[in-house]
C-alpha atoms as a PDB file:
ATOM      1  CA  MET A   1      67.147 157.937  62.216  1.00  0.00           C
ATOM      2  CA  LEU A   2      65.417 160.480  59.968  1.00  0.00           C
ATOM      3  CA  THR A   3      67.054 161.016  56.629  1.00  0.00           C
ATOM      4  CA  ASP A   4      64.201 162.793  54.848  1.00  0.00           C
ATOM      5  CA  ASN A   5      64.635 166.538  55.503  1.00  0.00           C
ATOM      6  CA  SER A   6      60.943 167.147  54.750  1.00  0.00           C
ATOM      7  CA  LYS A   7      60.095 165.288  57.961  1.00  0.00           C
ATOM      8  CA  ILE A   8      62.227 167.563  60.117  1.00  0.00           C
ATOM      9  CA  GLN A   9      60.310 170.576  61.374  1.00  0.00           C
ATOM     10  CA  GLU A  10      62.045 173.827  62.140  1.00  0.00           C
ATOM     11  CA  ILE A  11      61.215 175.412  65.476  1.00  0.00           C
ATOM     12  CA  SER A  12      61.866 178.985  66.515  1.00  0.00           C
ATOM     13  CA  ARG A  13      63.987 179.813  69.559  1.00  0.00           C
ATOM     14  CA  ARG A  14      61.002 181.489  71.254  1.00  0.00           C
ATOM     15  CA  SER A  15      58.732 178.512  70.555  1.00  0.00           C
ATOM     16  CA  PHE A  16      61.394 176.070  71.745  1.00  0.00           C
ATOM     17  CA  LEU A  17      61.978 178.034  74.970  1.00  0.00           C
ATOM     18  CA  GLY A  18      58.235 178.345  75.557  1.00  0.00           C
ATOM     19  CA  ASN A  19      57.705 174.606  75.069  1.00  0.00           C
ATOM     20  CA  MET A  20      60.642 173.743  77.316  1.00  0.00           C
ATOM     21  CA  THR A  21      59.333 176.108  80.007  1.00  0.00           C
ATOM     22  CA  LEU A  22      55.895 174.491  79.872  1.00  0.00           C
ATOM     23  CA  LEU A  23      57.474 171.038  80.114  1.00  0.00           C
ATOM     24  CA  LEU A  24      59.706 172.053  83.020  1.00  0.00           C
ATOM     25  CA  GLY A  25      56.762 173.738  84.726  1.00  0.00           C
ATOM     26  CA  ALA A  26      54.658 170.589  84.340  1.00  0.00           C
ATOM     27  CA  VAL A  27      57.440 168.396  85.708  1.00  0.00           C
ATOM     28  CA  LEU A  28      58.066 170.688  88.675  1.00  0.00           C
ATOM     29  CA  GLY A  29      54.419 171.622  89.176  1.00  0.00           C
ATOM     30  CA  ILE A  30      55.122 175.315  88.623  1.00  0.00           C
ATOM     31  CA  ASP A  31      52.786 177.072  86.188  1.00  0.00           C
ATOM     32  CA  SER A  32      54.321 180.523  86.257  1.00  0.00           C
ATOM     33  CA  LEU A  33      57.973 179.989  85.376  1.00  0.00           C
ATOM     34  CA  ILE A  34      59.426 182.930  83.537  1.00  0.00           C
ATOM     35  CA  THR A  35      60.812 182.224  80.080  1.00  0.00           C
ATOM     36  CA  ALA A  36      63.861 183.849  78.595  1.00  0.00           C
ATOM     37  CA  CYS A  37      61.518 186.296  76.855  1.00  0.00           C
ATOM     38  CA  GLY A  38      60.123 187.526  80.165  1.00  0.00           C
ATOM     39  CA  LYS A  39      56.687 185.979  79.556  1.00  0.00           C
ATOM     40  CA  THR A  40      54.929 183.574  81.845  1.00  0.00           C
ATOM     41  CA  ALA A  41      54.238 180.047  80.683  1.00  0.00           C
ATOM     42  CA  ASN A  42      50.503 180.818  80.575  1.00  0.00           C
ATOM     43  CA  ALA A  43      50.728 184.073  78.556  1.00  0.00           C
ATOM     44  CA  ILE A  44      47.830 184.474  76.139  1.00  0.00           C
ATOM     45  CA  GLU A  45      48.154 186.363  72.854  1.00  0.00           C
ATOM     46  CA  ALA A  46      45.225 187.447  70.682  1.00  0.00           C
ATOM     47  CA  GLN A  47      45.322 187.251  66.891  1.00  0.00           C
ATOM     48  CA  ALA A  48      44.682 190.169  64.545  1.00  0.00           C
ATOM     49  CA  THR A  49      41.611 189.417  62.444  1.00  0.00           C
ATOM     50  CA  VAL A  50      39.791 190.848  59.448  1.00  0.00           C
ATOM     51  CA  GLY A  51      36.196 191.956  59.918  1.00  0.00           C
ATOM     52  CA  GLY A  52      33.973 194.336  61.785  1.00  0.00           C
ATOM     53  CA  ASN A  53      33.833 198.051  61.029  1.00  0.00           C
ATOM     54  CA  CYS A  54      36.292 200.214  62.968  1.00  0.00           C
ATOM     55  CA  GLU A  55      35.020 203.525  61.621  1.00  0.00           C
ATOM     56  CA  ALA A  56      31.407 202.750  62.546  1.00  0.00           C
ATOM     57  CA  ASN A  57      31.749 200.544  65.638  1.00  0.00           C
ATOM     58  CA  GLY A  58      35.171 201.317  67.084  1.00  0.00           C
ATOM     59  CA  THR A  59      37.696 198.727  68.184  1.00  0.00           C
ATOM     60  CA  ASN A  60      38.231 195.785  70.510  1.00  0.00           C
ATOM     61  CA  VAL A  61      41.651 195.750  72.170  1.00  0.00           C
ATOM     62  CA  SER A  62      43.265 192.597  73.560  1.00  0.00           C
ATOM     63  CA  ILE A  63      46.424 192.875  75.638  1.00  0.00           C
ATOM     64  CA  GLU A  64      48.552 189.796  76.178  1.00  0.00           C
ATOM     65  CA  VAL A  65      48.154 188.655  79.778  1.00  0.00           C
ATOM     66  CA  VAL A  66      51.484 188.241  81.556  1.00  0.00           C
ATOM     67  CA  HIS A  67      50.317 189.294  85.038  1.00  0.00           C
ATOM     68  CA  THR A  68      47.189 190.080  87.026  1.00  0.00           C
ATOM     69  CA  PRO A  69      45.730 192.637  87.095  1.00  0.00           C
ATOM     70  CA  ASN A  70      46.266 193.230  83.403  1.00  0.00           C
ATOM     71  CA  HIS A  71      46.390 196.547  81.585  1.00  0.00           C
ATOM     72  CA  THR A  72      43.600 197.980  79.447  1.00  0.00           C
ATOM     73  CA  LEU A  73      43.503 200.306  76.468  1.00  0.00           C
ATOM     74  CA  THR A  74      40.791 201.998  74.438  1.00  0.00           C
ATOM     75  CA  VAL A  75      41.398 203.022  70.824  1.00  0.00           C
ATOM     76  CA  PRO A  76      38.451 205.266  69.865  1.00  0.00           C
ATOM     77  CA  LYS A  77      36.962 205.155  66.384  1.00  0.00           C
ATOM     78  CA  GLU A  78      37.816 208.858  66.041  1.00  0.00           C
ATOM     79  CA  ASP A  79      41.512 207.924  66.162  1.00  0.00           C
ATOM     80  CA  VAL A  80      40.957 205.299  63.464  1.00  0.00           C
ATOM     81  CA  ILE A  81      39.189 207.852  61.258  1.00  0.00           C
ATOM     82  CA  ALA A  82      41.972 210.433  61.816  1.00  0.00           C
ATOM     83  CA  GLY A  83      44.587 207.837  60.797  1.00  0.00           C
ATOM     84  CA  VAL A  84      47.515 209.609  62.477  1.00  0.00           C
ATOM     85  CA  ALA A  85      50.214 207.703  64.380  1.00  0.00           C
ATOM     86  CA  LYS A  86      49.574 207.860  68.113  1.00  0.00           C
ATOM     87  CA  THR A  87      51.198 206.579  71.300  1.00  0.00           C
ATOM     88  CA  TYR A  88      48.849 205.254  73.983  1.00  0.00           C
ATOM     89  CA  THR A  89      49.496 204.445  77.632  1.00  0.00           C
ATOM     90  CA  LEU A  90      48.306 201.035  78.828  1.00  0.00           C
ATOM     91  CA  SER A  91      46.459 201.736  82.089  1.00  0.00           C
ATOM     92  CA  ASP A  92      47.917 200.681  85.432  1.00  0.00           C
ATOM     93  CA  ASN A  93      44.754 198.932  86.766  1.00  0.00           C
ATOM     94  CA  GLY A  94      46.548 198.278  90.053  1.00  0.00           C
ATOM     95  CA  SER A  95      49.531 196.474  88.505  1.00  0.00           C
ATOM     96  CA  GLY A  96      51.951 199.131  89.773  1.00  0.00           C
ATOM     97  CA  HIS A  97      53.259 200.107  86.333  1.00  0.00           C
ATOM     98  CA  THR A  98      52.238 201.234  82.851  1.00  0.00           C
ATOM     99  CA  HIS A  99      53.461 200.624  79.309  1.00  0.00           C
ATOM    100  CA  GLU A 100      53.196 202.565  76.088  1.00  0.00           C
ATOM    101  CA  VAL A 101      52.294 201.261  72.659  1.00  0.00           C
ATOM    102  CA  THR A 102      52.421 203.155  69.379  1.00  0.00           C
ATOM    103  CA  LEU A 103      49.995 202.569  66.541  1.00  0.00           C
ATOM    104  CA  THR A 104      51.555 203.765  63.297  1.00  0.00           C
ATOM    105  CA  THR A 105      49.914 205.465  60.350  1.00  0.00           C
ATOM    106  CA  ALA A 106      50.144 202.097  58.550  1.00  0.00           C
ATOM    107  CA  ASP A 107      48.338 200.445  61.491  1.00  0.00           C
ATOM    108  CA  PHE A 108      45.518 202.967  61.220  1.00  0.00           C
ATOM    109  CA  MET A 109      45.333 202.431  57.441  1.00  0.00           C
ATOM    110  CA  ASN A 110      44.837 198.704  58.125  1.00  0.00           C
ATOM    111  CA  LEU A 111      42.174 199.463  60.745  1.00  0.00           C
ATOM    112  CA  GLN A 112      40.396 201.713  58.233  1.00  0.00           C
ATOM    113  CA  LYS A 113      40.306 198.627  55.973  1.00  0.00           C
ATOM    114  CA  ASN A 114      38.864 196.627  58.925  1.00  0.00           C
ATOM    115  CA  SER A 115      42.019 194.574  59.300  1.00  0.00           C
ATOM    116  CA  GLY A 116      43.345 194.123  62.843  1.00  0.00           C
ATOM    117  CA  VAL A 117      46.891 194.986  63.908  1.00  0.00           C
ATOM    118  CA  THR A 118      49.329 193.869  66.618  1.00  0.00           C
ATOM    119  CA  GLU A 119      52.128 195.943  68.146  1.00  0.00           C
ATOM    120  CA  VAL A 120      54.429 195.326  71.129  1.00  0.00           C
ATOM    121  CA  SER A 121      54.404 197.652  74.122  1.00  0.00           C
ATOM    122  CA  THR A 122      57.424 199.257  75.726  1.00  0.00           C
ATOM    123  CA  ASN A 123      59.324 197.205  78.290  1.00  0.00           C
ATOM    124  CA  ASN A 124      58.515 197.994  81.928  1.00  0.00           C
ATOM    125  CA  SER A 125      58.950 195.749  84.997  1.00  0.00           C
ATOM    126  CA  ASN A 126      61.040 193.415  82.824  1.00  0.00           C
ATOM    127  CA  HIS A 127      58.297 192.525  80.352  1.00  0.00           C
ATOM    128  CA  THR A 128      56.351 193.688  77.308  1.00  0.00           C
ATOM    129  CA  HIS A 129      52.815 192.974  76.072  1.00  0.00           C
ATOM    130  CA  SER A 130      51.500 192.169  72.596  1.00  0.00           C
ATOM    131  CA  VAL A 131      48.640 194.580  71.978  1.00  0.00           C
ATOM    132  CA  THR A 132      46.100 193.506  69.345  1.00  0.00           C
ATOM    133  CA  VAL A 133      43.519 195.931  67.994  1.00  0.00           C
ATOM    134  CA  ASN A 134      40.626 194.475  65.988  1.00  0.00           C
ATOM    135  CA  CYS A 135      37.521 196.131  64.592  1.00  0.00           C
ATOM    136  CA  ALA A 136      34.239 195.753  66.476  1.00  0.00           C
END
């Protein structure tokens, strides 16, 4: 029995549910069980990073994969330079639906400083996507 509280790690509800879904999927041999968050067990999220030069080279956009085909989005360097909040539509690409994601003025200020940002898309078809914009 553990009595030292420093040895007990806290775990978030989302992380716990994700881990339990992966375990259940492995036991049952199902790799695409849906979690309580509406994400598949093999969803991939990109991380916002620092580096590149958005104003000179534009951006690289990563959209969390929760289905195939996945959506795409382009954030032009002109939008970064303008620095005004803007709502984009994630393209359909044959998935049968779209989503929207809004980059705020604060997001564009971070991109102007070559620091990546992550926002969550609107919910459509019972799921959302994490959208990460980094500088190229």
